[in-house]
N, C-alpha and C. Protein backbone atom coordinates (compact mmCIF):
# COMPACT_ATOMS: atom_id res chain seq x y z
N MET A 1 0.84 -1.19 0.00
CA MET A 1 0.00 0.00 0.00
C MET A 1 0.88 1.24 0.00
N GLN A 2 0.58 2.17 -0.86
CA GLN A 2 1.36 3.40 -1.00
C GLN A 2 0.58 4.58 -0.42
N TRP A 3 1.20 5.26 0.52
CA TRP A 3 0.56 6.34 1.24
C TRP A 3 0.99 7.71 0.72
N THR A 4 0.09 8.67 0.86
CA THR A 4 0.43 10.07 0.70
C THR A 4 0.54 10.66 2.11
N LEU A 5 1.67 11.31 2.38
CA LEU A 5 1.86 11.94 3.68
C LEU A 5 1.66 13.45 3.57
N VAL A 6 1.01 14.01 4.55
CA VAL A 6 0.85 15.46 4.66
C VAL A 6 1.60 15.90 5.91
N ILE A 7 2.54 16.81 5.72
CA ILE A 7 3.38 17.27 6.83
C ILE A 7 3.18 18.78 7.00
N PRO A 8 2.64 19.21 8.13
CA PRO A 8 2.42 20.65 8.35
C PRO A 8 3.66 21.30 8.95
N LEU A 9 3.95 22.52 8.51
CA LEU A 9 5.09 23.25 9.04
C LEU A 9 4.73 24.73 9.17
N LYS A 10 4.75 25.25 10.38
CA LYS A 10 4.45 26.66 10.58
C LYS A 10 5.63 27.51 10.14
N ALA A 11 5.43 28.81 10.06
CA ALA A 11 6.50 29.72 9.69
C ALA A 11 7.70 29.51 10.61
N LEU A 12 8.88 29.42 10.01
CA LEU A 12 10.07 29.09 10.79
C LEU A 12 10.34 30.09 11.90
N ALA A 13 10.02 31.34 11.67
CA ALA A 13 10.27 32.38 12.67
C ALA A 13 9.45 32.15 13.94
N ARG A 14 8.33 31.43 13.81
CA ARG A 14 7.46 31.18 14.97
C ARG A 14 7.59 29.76 15.50
N ALA A 15 8.45 28.97 14.90
CA ALA A 15 8.53 27.55 15.24
C ALA A 15 9.42 27.30 16.46
N LYS A 16 9.05 26.28 17.20
CA LYS A 16 9.88 25.75 18.28
C LYS A 16 10.20 26.77 19.38
N SER A 17 9.20 27.52 19.79
CA SER A 17 9.40 28.50 20.85
C SER A 17 9.76 27.84 22.18
N ARG A 18 9.35 26.58 22.35
CA ARG A 18 9.65 25.88 23.61
C ARG A 18 11.10 25.42 23.69
N LEU A 19 11.85 25.63 22.63
CA LEU A 19 13.29 25.33 22.66
C LEU A 19 14.11 26.55 23.08
N SER A 20 13.45 27.55 23.68
CA SER A 20 14.15 28.77 24.06
C SER A 20 15.23 28.52 25.10
N ASP A 21 15.11 27.41 25.86
CA ASP A 21 16.14 27.10 26.84
C ASP A 21 17.35 26.43 26.20
N THR A 22 17.22 26.07 24.93
CA THR A 22 18.28 25.36 24.22
C THR A 22 18.89 26.20 23.11
N ALA A 23 18.07 27.00 22.44
CA ALA A 23 18.55 27.82 21.32
C ALA A 23 17.88 29.18 21.37
N ASP A 24 18.62 30.23 21.01
CA ASP A 24 18.04 31.57 21.04
C ASP A 24 17.19 31.80 19.79
N ASP A 25 16.57 32.98 19.74
CA ASP A 25 15.63 33.29 18.65
C ASP A 25 16.28 33.18 17.28
N GLY A 26 17.57 33.49 17.19
CA GLY A 26 18.23 33.46 15.89
C GLY A 26 18.56 32.07 15.39
N LEU A 27 18.59 31.09 16.29
CA LEU A 27 18.98 29.73 15.91
C LEU A 27 17.80 28.77 15.79
N ARG A 28 16.69 29.08 16.45
CA ARG A 28 15.55 28.16 16.43
C ARG A 28 14.98 27.94 15.02
N PRO A 29 14.87 28.97 14.17
CA PRO A 29 14.35 28.70 12.82
C PRO A 29 15.20 27.68 12.06
N GLY A 30 16.52 27.77 12.21
CA GLY A 30 17.39 26.81 11.54
C GLY A 30 17.20 25.40 12.06
N LEU A 31 17.00 25.27 13.36
CA LEU A 31 16.71 23.94 13.92
C LEU A 31 15.40 23.40 13.39
N ALA A 32 14.36 24.23 13.38
CA ALA A 32 13.05 23.79 12.88
C ALA A 32 13.14 23.33 11.43
N LEU A 33 13.87 24.08 10.61
CA LEU A 33 14.03 23.68 9.21
C LEU A 33 14.80 22.37 9.11
N ALA A 34 15.85 22.21 9.90
CA ALA A 34 16.62 20.97 9.87
C ALA A 34 15.77 19.77 10.27
N PHE A 35 14.95 19.94 11.31
CA PHE A 35 14.04 18.86 11.72
C PHE A 35 13.15 18.46 10.54
N ALA A 36 12.56 19.46 9.89
CA ALA A 36 11.63 19.20 8.79
C ALA A 36 12.35 18.54 7.61
N GLN A 37 13.56 19.01 7.31
CA GLN A 37 14.31 18.42 6.19
C GLN A 37 14.62 16.95 6.45
N ASP A 38 15.06 16.63 7.66
CA ASP A 38 15.37 15.23 7.97
C ASP A 38 14.10 14.37 8.00
N THR A 39 13.01 14.95 8.48
CA THR A 39 11.73 14.23 8.48
C THR A 39 11.28 13.93 7.06
N VAL A 40 11.27 14.94 6.21
CA VAL A 40 10.82 14.76 4.83
C VAL A 40 11.75 13.82 4.06
N ALA A 41 13.06 13.98 4.23
CA ALA A 41 14.00 13.12 3.52
C ALA A 41 13.80 11.65 3.89
N ALA A 42 13.60 11.38 5.18
CA ALA A 42 13.36 10.00 5.61
C ALA A 42 12.04 9.47 5.08
N ALA A 43 11.00 10.32 5.13
CA ALA A 43 9.68 9.88 4.65
C ALA A 43 9.71 9.54 3.17
N LEU A 44 10.43 10.33 2.39
CA LEU A 44 10.48 10.10 0.95
C LEU A 44 11.22 8.82 0.57
N THR A 45 12.03 8.30 1.47
CA THR A 45 12.73 7.04 1.18
C THR A 45 12.01 5.84 1.79
N CYS A 46 10.86 6.08 2.41
CA CYS A 46 10.08 4.99 3.00
C CYS A 46 9.36 4.22 1.90
N ALA A 47 9.47 2.91 1.93
CA ALA A 47 8.89 2.06 0.88
C ALA A 47 7.37 2.16 0.81
N ALA A 48 6.74 2.55 1.92
CA ALA A 48 5.28 2.62 1.95
C ALA A 48 4.73 3.97 1.52
N VAL A 49 5.61 4.92 1.21
CA VAL A 49 5.18 6.28 0.90
C VAL A 49 5.30 6.55 -0.60
N ARG A 50 4.20 7.03 -1.18
CA ARG A 50 4.20 7.39 -2.59
C ARG A 50 4.65 8.83 -2.80
N ASP A 51 4.11 9.74 -1.99
CA ASP A 51 4.55 11.12 -2.09
C ASP A 51 4.31 11.85 -0.78
N VAL A 52 4.96 13.00 -0.66
CA VAL A 52 4.89 13.81 0.55
C VAL A 52 4.46 15.22 0.17
N ALA A 53 3.44 15.71 0.85
CA ALA A 53 2.98 17.09 0.66
C ALA A 53 3.23 17.86 1.95
N VAL A 54 3.95 18.96 1.84
CA VAL A 54 4.20 19.82 3.01
C VAL A 54 3.31 21.03 2.90
N VAL A 55 2.54 21.29 3.95
CA VAL A 55 1.66 22.45 3.95
C VAL A 55 2.34 23.55 4.76
N THR A 56 2.72 24.62 4.08
CA THR A 56 3.43 25.71 4.72
C THR A 56 3.32 26.97 3.89
N ASP A 57 3.43 28.11 4.55
CA ASP A 57 3.51 29.39 3.86
C ASP A 57 4.90 30.00 4.00
N ASP A 58 5.83 29.26 4.60
CA ASP A 58 7.18 29.77 4.76
C ASP A 58 7.96 29.58 3.46
N GLY A 59 8.42 30.68 2.87
CA GLY A 59 9.07 30.62 1.57
C GLY A 59 10.36 29.81 1.59
N LEU A 60 11.21 30.04 2.59
CA LEU A 60 12.47 29.30 2.66
C LEU A 60 12.22 27.82 2.85
N ALA A 61 11.36 27.48 3.79
CA ALA A 61 11.06 26.07 4.03
C ALA A 61 10.47 25.42 2.78
N GLY A 62 9.57 26.14 2.10
CA GLY A 62 8.98 25.58 0.89
C GLY A 62 10.02 25.27 -0.16
N ARG A 63 10.96 26.19 -0.37
CA ARG A 63 12.01 25.96 -1.37
C ARG A 63 12.92 24.79 -0.98
N GLU A 64 13.32 24.75 0.27
CA GLU A 64 14.24 23.70 0.71
C GLU A 64 13.59 22.32 0.67
N LEU A 65 12.34 22.23 1.07
CA LEU A 65 11.66 20.94 1.11
C LEU A 65 11.22 20.49 -0.28
N ALA A 66 10.89 21.44 -1.15
CA ALA A 66 10.60 21.09 -2.54
C ALA A 66 11.84 20.53 -3.22
N ALA A 67 13.01 21.07 -2.86
CA ALA A 67 14.26 20.57 -3.43
C ALA A 67 14.52 19.12 -3.05
N LEU A 68 13.96 18.69 -1.93
CA LEU A 68 14.11 17.29 -1.52
C LEU A 68 13.14 16.36 -2.24
N GLY A 69 12.11 16.95 -2.86
CA GLY A 69 11.13 16.14 -3.57
C GLY A 69 9.72 16.23 -3.03
N ALA A 70 9.50 17.08 -2.03
CA ALA A 70 8.16 17.24 -1.47
C ALA A 70 7.32 18.15 -2.34
N ARG A 71 6.02 17.93 -2.33
CA ARG A 71 5.07 18.85 -2.95
C ARG A 71 4.68 19.90 -1.91
N ILE A 72 4.63 21.16 -2.27
CA ILE A 72 4.31 22.23 -1.33
C ILE A 72 2.87 22.68 -1.53
N VAL A 73 2.11 22.67 -0.45
CA VAL A 73 0.71 23.11 -0.47
C VAL A 73 0.62 24.37 0.38
N PRO A 74 0.19 25.50 -0.17
CA PRO A 74 0.05 26.73 0.63
C PRO A 74 -0.98 26.55 1.75
N ASP A 75 -0.70 27.18 2.88
CA ASP A 75 -1.61 27.14 4.02
C ASP A 75 -2.67 28.21 3.84
N GLU A 76 -3.56 27.97 2.90
CA GLU A 76 -4.53 29.01 2.52
C GLU A 76 -5.51 29.40 3.63
N PRO A 77 -6.01 28.46 4.42
CA PRO A 77 -6.95 28.92 5.46
C PRO A 77 -6.28 29.78 6.52
N ALA A 78 -4.98 29.54 6.78
CA ALA A 78 -4.27 30.26 7.84
C ALA A 78 -5.06 30.21 9.14
N GLY A 79 -5.63 29.05 9.43
CA GLY A 79 -6.48 28.92 10.60
C GLY A 79 -5.94 27.97 11.65
N GLY A 80 -4.64 27.72 11.62
CA GLY A 80 -4.05 26.82 12.60
C GLY A 80 -3.76 25.46 12.03
N LEU A 81 -3.18 24.62 12.87
CA LEU A 81 -2.67 23.32 12.45
C LEU A 81 -3.75 22.42 11.86
N ASN A 82 -4.86 22.25 12.53
CA ASN A 82 -5.87 21.31 12.05
C ASN A 82 -6.55 21.79 10.78
N ALA A 83 -6.75 23.11 10.68
CA ALA A 83 -7.31 23.66 9.45
C ALA A 83 -6.34 23.46 8.29
N ALA A 84 -5.03 23.63 8.55
CA ALA A 84 -4.02 23.44 7.51
C ALA A 84 -4.02 22.00 7.03
N LEU A 85 -4.12 21.06 7.96
CA LEU A 85 -4.13 19.65 7.59
C LEU A 85 -5.38 19.28 6.80
N ALA A 86 -6.53 19.79 7.23
CA ALA A 86 -7.77 19.50 6.51
C ALA A 86 -7.71 20.05 5.10
N HIS A 87 -7.16 21.25 4.96
CA HIS A 87 -7.01 21.85 3.64
C HIS A 87 -6.07 21.03 2.77
N ALA A 88 -4.90 20.69 3.30
CA ALA A 88 -3.93 19.91 2.53
C ALA A 88 -4.48 18.55 2.16
N ALA A 89 -5.21 17.93 3.07
CA ALA A 89 -5.80 16.62 2.77
C ALA A 89 -6.77 16.73 1.60
N SER A 90 -7.56 17.80 1.58
CA SER A 90 -8.49 18.01 0.48
C SER A 90 -7.76 18.19 -0.84
N VAL A 91 -6.66 18.95 -0.81
CA VAL A 91 -5.89 19.21 -2.02
C VAL A 91 -5.29 17.92 -2.58
N VAL A 92 -4.65 17.15 -1.71
CA VAL A 92 -3.99 15.93 -2.21
C VAL A 92 -5.00 14.86 -2.60
N ARG A 93 -6.15 14.88 -1.96
CA ARG A 93 -7.17 13.88 -2.30
C ARG A 93 -7.78 14.15 -3.67
N THR A 94 -7.78 15.38 -4.14
CA THR A 94 -8.29 15.66 -5.48
C THR A 94 -7.39 15.05 -6.55
N LYS A 95 -6.11 14.90 -6.23
CA LYS A 95 -5.16 14.34 -7.19
C LYS A 95 -4.95 12.84 -7.00
N SER A 96 -5.11 12.37 -5.76
CA SER A 96 -4.88 10.94 -5.47
C SER A 96 -6.01 10.42 -4.59
N PRO A 97 -7.24 10.37 -5.11
CA PRO A 97 -8.37 9.98 -4.27
C PRO A 97 -8.31 8.54 -3.78
N GLU A 98 -7.56 7.70 -4.49
CA GLU A 98 -7.49 6.29 -4.13
C GLU A 98 -6.40 6.00 -3.11
N SER A 99 -5.62 7.01 -2.75
CA SER A 99 -4.47 6.80 -1.87
C SER A 99 -4.86 6.98 -0.40
N PRO A 100 -4.40 6.08 0.47
CA PRO A 100 -4.56 6.35 1.90
C PRO A 100 -3.70 7.56 2.28
N LEU A 101 -4.11 8.24 3.32
CA LEU A 101 -3.51 9.52 3.67
C LEU A 101 -3.09 9.51 5.13
N ALA A 102 -1.93 10.11 5.41
CA ALA A 102 -1.50 10.21 6.80
C ALA A 102 -0.87 11.57 7.05
N ALA A 103 -1.24 12.17 8.17
CA ALA A 103 -0.59 13.40 8.63
C ALA A 103 0.57 13.00 9.53
N LEU A 104 1.72 13.62 9.29
CA LEU A 104 2.93 13.30 10.04
C LEU A 104 3.56 14.58 10.56
N ASN A 105 4.01 14.57 11.79
CA ASN A 105 4.67 15.75 12.34
C ASN A 105 5.94 16.08 11.57
N ALA A 106 6.28 17.37 11.56
CA ALA A 106 7.48 17.82 10.85
C ALA A 106 8.72 17.81 11.72
N ASP A 107 8.58 17.46 12.98
CA ASP A 107 9.71 17.53 13.92
C ASP A 107 10.11 16.15 14.42
N LEU A 108 10.40 15.27 13.47
CA LEU A 108 10.83 13.89 13.78
C LEU A 108 12.23 13.68 13.19
N PRO A 109 13.24 14.36 13.72
CA PRO A 109 14.56 14.33 13.08
C PRO A 109 15.28 12.99 13.15
N ALA A 110 14.81 12.08 13.99
CA ALA A 110 15.42 10.75 14.07
C ALA A 110 14.65 9.71 13.25
N LEU A 111 13.69 10.16 12.45
CA LEU A 111 12.79 9.26 11.74
C LEU A 111 13.54 8.20 10.93
N ARG A 112 13.12 6.95 11.09
CA ARG A 112 13.68 5.82 10.34
C ARG A 112 12.64 5.31 9.35
N PRO A 113 12.98 5.22 8.07
CA PRO A 113 12.00 4.77 7.08
C PRO A 113 11.39 3.41 7.39
N LEU A 114 12.17 2.47 7.87
CA LEU A 114 11.63 1.14 8.16
C LEU A 114 10.62 1.19 9.30
N GLU A 115 10.88 2.01 10.29
CA GLU A 115 9.93 2.15 11.39
C GLU A 115 8.64 2.83 10.91
N LEU A 116 8.77 3.82 10.05
CA LEU A 116 7.59 4.46 9.49
C LEU A 116 6.78 3.47 8.67
N THR A 117 7.45 2.61 7.93
CA THR A 117 6.74 1.57 7.17
C THR A 117 5.94 0.67 8.09
N ARG A 118 6.51 0.28 9.21
CA ARG A 118 5.80 -0.57 10.16
C ARG A 118 4.55 0.11 10.69
N VAL A 119 4.67 1.40 11.00
CA VAL A 119 3.52 2.14 11.52
C VAL A 119 2.42 2.25 10.45
N LEU A 120 2.80 2.58 9.23
CA LEU A 120 1.81 2.71 8.16
C LEU A 120 1.17 1.37 7.83
N ASP A 121 1.94 0.30 7.86
CA ASP A 121 1.37 -1.04 7.63
C ASP A 121 0.34 -1.38 8.70
N ALA A 122 0.63 -1.01 9.94
CA ALA A 122 -0.32 -1.25 11.02
C ALA A 122 -1.56 -0.39 10.85
N ALA A 123 -1.38 0.84 10.44
CA ALA A 123 -2.52 1.75 10.25
C ALA A 123 -3.44 1.28 9.13
N ALA A 124 -2.89 0.57 8.17
CA ALA A 124 -3.68 0.14 7.01
C ALA A 124 -4.81 -0.81 7.39
N ALA A 125 -4.76 -1.37 8.58
CA ALA A 125 -5.80 -2.31 9.02
C ALA A 125 -7.07 -1.61 9.50
N PHE A 126 -7.04 -0.28 9.60
CA PHE A 126 -8.16 0.45 10.20
C PHE A 126 -8.61 1.62 9.31
N PRO A 127 -9.88 2.02 9.44
CA PRO A 127 -10.33 3.19 8.69
C PRO A 127 -9.57 4.46 9.08
N ARG A 128 -9.32 4.64 10.37
CA ARG A 128 -8.51 5.75 10.88
C ARG A 128 -7.68 5.22 12.04
N ALA A 129 -6.45 5.68 12.12
CA ALA A 129 -5.57 5.22 13.20
C ALA A 129 -4.56 6.31 13.52
N PHE A 130 -3.99 6.24 14.71
CA PHE A 130 -3.01 7.25 15.10
C PHE A 130 -1.92 6.63 15.96
N LEU A 131 -0.77 7.31 15.99
CA LEU A 131 0.36 6.89 16.81
C LEU A 131 0.62 7.95 17.86
N PRO A 132 0.61 7.60 19.15
CA PRO A 132 0.90 8.59 20.18
C PRO A 132 2.37 8.97 20.19
N ASP A 133 2.65 10.16 20.69
CA ASP A 133 4.04 10.61 20.75
C ASP A 133 4.76 9.97 21.94
N ALA A 134 6.06 10.23 22.04
CA ALA A 134 6.87 9.63 23.09
C ALA A 134 6.42 10.06 24.47
N ALA A 135 5.88 11.27 24.58
CA ALA A 135 5.42 11.77 25.88
C ALA A 135 4.13 11.09 26.32
N GLY A 136 3.40 10.50 25.39
CA GLY A 136 2.19 9.78 25.73
C GLY A 136 0.93 10.61 25.78
N THR A 137 1.01 11.88 25.42
CA THR A 137 -0.17 12.74 25.45
C THR A 137 -0.55 13.27 24.08
N GLY A 138 0.41 13.35 23.18
CA GLY A 138 0.17 13.90 21.85
C GLY A 138 0.11 12.83 20.78
N THR A 139 0.20 13.28 19.53
CA THR A 139 0.10 12.41 18.36
C THR A 139 1.17 12.82 17.36
N THR A 140 1.85 11.84 16.79
CA THR A 140 2.83 12.16 15.74
C THR A 140 2.37 11.74 14.36
N LEU A 141 1.40 10.82 14.28
CA LEU A 141 0.88 10.38 12.98
C LEU A 141 -0.60 10.06 13.10
N LEU A 142 -1.37 10.53 12.15
CA LEU A 142 -2.80 10.24 12.05
C LEU A 142 -3.08 9.77 10.64
N ALA A 143 -3.67 8.59 10.50
CA ALA A 143 -3.86 7.98 9.19
C ALA A 143 -5.33 7.76 8.89
N ALA A 144 -5.66 7.88 7.61
CA ALA A 144 -7.04 7.63 7.15
C ALA A 144 -6.98 6.82 5.86
N ALA A 145 -7.80 5.80 5.79
CA ALA A 145 -7.88 4.97 4.59
C ALA A 145 -8.48 5.77 3.44
N ALA A 146 -8.30 5.29 2.23
CA ALA A 146 -8.91 5.93 1.06
C ALA A 146 -10.41 6.04 1.28
N GLY A 147 -10.96 7.22 0.97
CA GLY A 147 -12.38 7.44 1.14
C GLY A 147 -12.79 7.85 2.54
N ARG A 148 -11.85 7.92 3.47
CA ARG A 148 -12.14 8.33 4.85
C ARG A 148 -11.58 9.72 5.11
N GLU A 149 -12.30 10.48 5.89
CA GLU A 149 -11.83 11.81 6.27
C GLU A 149 -10.73 11.68 7.32
N LEU A 150 -9.76 12.58 7.26
CA LEU A 150 -8.67 12.55 8.23
C LEU A 150 -9.14 12.98 9.61
N LEU A 151 -9.94 14.03 9.70
CA LEU A 151 -10.49 14.55 10.96
C LEU A 151 -9.39 14.82 11.99
N PRO A 152 -8.44 15.69 11.67
CA PRO A 152 -7.34 15.94 12.59
C PRO A 152 -7.77 16.68 13.84
N ALA A 153 -7.20 16.29 14.97
CA ALA A 153 -7.47 16.95 16.25
C ALA A 153 -6.16 17.12 17.00
N PHE A 154 -5.14 17.63 16.30
CA PHE A 154 -3.84 17.83 16.91
C PHE A 154 -3.89 18.99 17.88
N GLY A 155 -2.89 19.03 18.77
CA GLY A 155 -2.83 20.05 19.80
C GLY A 155 -2.74 19.39 21.16
N THR A 156 -3.03 20.16 22.20
CA THR A 156 -2.95 19.65 23.56
C THR A 156 -3.83 18.43 23.75
N ASP A 157 -3.26 17.38 24.34
CA ASP A 157 -3.98 16.13 24.63
C ASP A 157 -4.61 15.51 23.38
N SER A 158 -3.91 15.58 22.26
CA SER A 158 -4.49 15.04 21.03
C SER A 158 -4.64 13.53 21.06
N ARG A 159 -3.85 12.85 21.89
CA ARG A 159 -4.03 11.40 22.00
C ARG A 159 -5.45 11.07 22.46
N ILE A 160 -5.91 11.77 23.47
CA ILE A 160 -7.26 11.54 23.99
C ILE A 160 -8.29 11.93 22.94
N ARG A 161 -8.08 13.06 22.28
CA ARG A 161 -9.07 13.56 21.33
C ARG A 161 -9.13 12.70 20.07
N HIS A 162 -8.00 12.19 19.61
CA HIS A 162 -8.04 11.30 18.44
C HIS A 162 -8.71 9.97 18.79
N ARG A 163 -8.44 9.48 19.98
CA ARG A 163 -9.10 8.25 20.40
C ARG A 163 -10.61 8.46 20.51
N ALA A 164 -11.01 9.61 21.07
CA ALA A 164 -12.43 9.90 21.21
C ALA A 164 -13.12 10.07 19.86
N SER A 165 -12.35 10.46 18.84
CA SER A 165 -12.93 10.66 17.51
C SER A 165 -13.15 9.34 16.77
N GLY A 166 -12.72 8.24 17.37
CA GLY A 166 -12.91 6.93 16.74
C GLY A 166 -11.68 6.36 16.08
N ALA A 167 -10.58 7.12 16.07
CA ALA A 167 -9.33 6.59 15.49
C ALA A 167 -8.76 5.53 16.43
N VAL A 168 -8.20 4.48 15.84
CA VAL A 168 -7.62 3.39 16.61
C VAL A 168 -6.17 3.73 16.96
N GLU A 169 -5.81 3.54 18.21
CA GLU A 169 -4.43 3.80 18.63
C GLU A 169 -3.52 2.64 18.19
N ILE A 170 -2.44 2.98 17.52
CA ILE A 170 -1.48 1.98 17.07
C ILE A 170 -0.53 1.66 18.22
N ALA A 171 -0.46 0.40 18.59
CA ALA A 171 0.41 -0.05 19.67
C ALA A 171 1.52 -0.91 19.08
N LEU A 172 2.68 -0.32 18.89
CA LEU A 172 3.83 -1.03 18.33
C LEU A 172 5.06 -0.74 19.17
N ASP A 173 5.89 -1.75 19.37
CA ASP A 173 7.19 -1.54 19.99
C ASP A 173 8.22 -1.30 18.89
N GLY A 174 9.30 -0.66 19.25
CA GLY A 174 10.40 -0.50 18.30
C GLY A 174 10.17 0.52 17.21
N VAL A 175 9.29 1.50 17.46
CA VAL A 175 9.07 2.57 16.48
C VAL A 175 9.30 3.93 17.13
N ASP A 176 10.31 3.98 17.99
CA ASP A 176 10.58 5.20 18.76
C ASP A 176 10.88 6.39 17.87
N SER A 177 11.50 6.15 16.71
CA SER A 177 11.85 7.28 15.85
C SER A 177 10.63 7.97 15.26
N VAL A 178 9.51 7.27 15.19
CA VAL A 178 8.27 7.85 14.67
C VAL A 178 7.50 8.55 15.79
N ARG A 179 7.84 8.25 17.01
CA ARG A 179 7.14 8.83 18.16
C ARG A 179 7.88 10.01 18.77
N GLN A 180 9.19 10.13 18.50
CA GLN A 180 10.00 11.14 19.17
C GLN A 180 9.99 12.47 18.43
N ASP A 181 8.95 13.25 18.69
CA ASP A 181 8.95 14.62 18.17
C ASP A 181 9.77 15.51 19.10
N VAL A 182 10.05 16.71 18.65
CA VAL A 182 10.96 17.59 19.40
C VAL A 182 10.28 18.93 19.66
N ASP A 183 9.90 19.13 20.91
CA ASP A 183 9.34 20.40 21.34
C ASP A 183 10.23 21.09 22.37
N THR A 184 10.95 20.31 23.15
CA THR A 184 11.75 20.84 24.25
C THR A 184 13.20 20.38 24.13
N GLY A 185 14.04 20.94 24.99
CA GLY A 185 15.43 20.51 25.01
C GLY A 185 15.56 19.04 25.36
N ASP A 186 14.74 18.55 26.29
CA ASP A 186 14.78 17.13 26.64
C ASP A 186 14.40 16.27 25.44
N ASP A 187 13.41 16.71 24.67
CA ASP A 187 13.01 15.98 23.47
C ASP A 187 14.18 15.91 22.48
N LEU A 188 14.88 17.02 22.32
CA LEU A 188 16.00 17.05 21.39
C LEU A 188 17.09 16.09 21.83
N ARG A 189 17.37 16.07 23.12
CA ARG A 189 18.38 15.14 23.63
C ARG A 189 17.96 13.69 23.41
N ALA A 190 16.67 13.40 23.57
CA ALA A 190 16.19 12.05 23.33
C ALA A 190 16.33 11.67 21.86
N ALA A 191 16.03 12.61 20.96
CA ALA A 191 16.18 12.36 19.53
C ALA A 191 17.64 12.13 19.17
N LEU A 192 18.53 12.93 19.76
CA LEU A 192 19.95 12.75 19.50
C LEU A 192 20.43 11.38 19.95
N THR A 193 19.88 10.89 21.04
CA THR A 193 20.24 9.55 21.52
C THR A 193 19.80 8.48 20.52
N LEU A 194 18.64 8.67 19.90
CA LEU A 194 18.17 7.73 18.88
C LEU A 194 19.05 7.80 17.63
N GLY A 195 19.55 9.00 17.34
CA GLY A 195 20.35 9.22 16.14
C GLY A 195 19.57 10.03 15.12
N VAL A 196 19.92 11.29 14.97
CA VAL A 196 19.18 12.19 14.08
C VAL A 196 19.77 12.19 12.68
N GLY A 197 19.04 12.80 11.76
CA GLY A 197 19.50 12.92 10.39
C GLY A 197 20.62 13.93 10.26
N PRO A 198 21.25 14.01 9.08
CA PRO A 198 22.45 14.83 8.91
C PRO A 198 22.21 16.32 9.07
N ARG A 199 21.05 16.82 8.68
CA ARG A 199 20.81 18.25 8.77
C ARG A 199 20.63 18.68 10.22
N THR A 200 19.91 17.86 10.99
CA THR A 200 19.76 18.17 12.41
C THR A 200 21.10 18.06 13.13
N ALA A 201 21.87 17.04 12.79
CA ALA A 201 23.19 16.89 13.42
C ALA A 201 24.05 18.11 13.16
N ALA A 202 24.01 18.62 11.94
CA ALA A 202 24.80 19.81 11.59
C ALA A 202 24.28 21.04 12.33
N ALA A 203 22.97 21.18 12.43
CA ALA A 203 22.39 22.33 13.12
C ALA A 203 22.73 22.30 14.61
N VAL A 204 22.70 21.12 15.20
CA VAL A 204 23.04 21.01 16.63
C VAL A 204 24.53 21.30 16.83
N ALA A 205 25.36 20.84 15.92
CA ALA A 205 26.79 21.15 16.03
C ALA A 205 27.03 22.65 15.94
N ALA A 206 26.30 23.32 15.06
CA ALA A 206 26.43 24.78 14.96
C ALA A 206 25.93 25.46 16.23
N LEU A 207 24.88 24.90 16.81
CA LEU A 207 24.34 25.45 18.05
C LEU A 207 25.37 25.36 19.18
N LYS A 208 26.04 24.23 19.26
CA LYS A 208 27.04 24.05 20.31
C LYS A 208 28.25 24.95 20.10
N ALA A 209 28.52 25.26 18.84
CA ALA A 209 29.68 26.10 18.53
C ALA A 209 29.40 27.58 18.71
N ALA A 210 28.11 27.93 18.78
CA ALA A 210 27.73 29.35 18.87
C ALA A 210 28.09 29.94 20.23
C-alpha cells in the first residue's frame, strides 16, 4: 500500500518557541528547518510512501523541502494546524483519491523509514488510526484509509481527542523514531540519543559552537 503523507510546518520564525532554553531566537528557525528536512527526507525514502505534501507558507522552508522532492501546499486557510491539515488533505485527495492519507509531524529528526513503514502497515488495518508521541499525550501520525476523512485533532492532549474521535491507537514496539517529536530541550536530547538525520546533526553542532 502506497501512502500520501501530509506534513504541516508553521513559519520558521514562529517555530519551536519551547526550545528557548536550548537555542536563542536566531537559531531556532534553523533547527526547525533541519528537523523538517530530515523528516521529509526519511519519509520520501520509506517504501510505503508514494509522495509527501508539506503544507506551509514559509518561503524558505517551501524551497528547501521542494528541493528534496516534497510537494508544497500553501496554508490558505491560515487557521491553525488542524485547518491546515484538513485543507492539505483536500488538495492531495483531489489528485490521489485512491491513496490512503497520513498526517505526520514535521519535527521527527530521528525518523527511520523502516519504522515508518511498520507504523503505516499497522494503520492500514483500520479506517482511521493514530500513533501517540513519546510523551504519551500527543500524536505524531494520524492515518485515514482511502475514502475516509482525516479529521485531525492535533494540539494539547491530542491522544485523547483522536481516540475519542474513533481513530484506533497503534500499539507497536520499536518505532521510537516515529514517536519522538521535538518540542523541548529534553526531546531534542532524546532524539539525538536515537540518532538524528544529517541536517539536524549539523544544526546542533552549529548550536554548540555558537
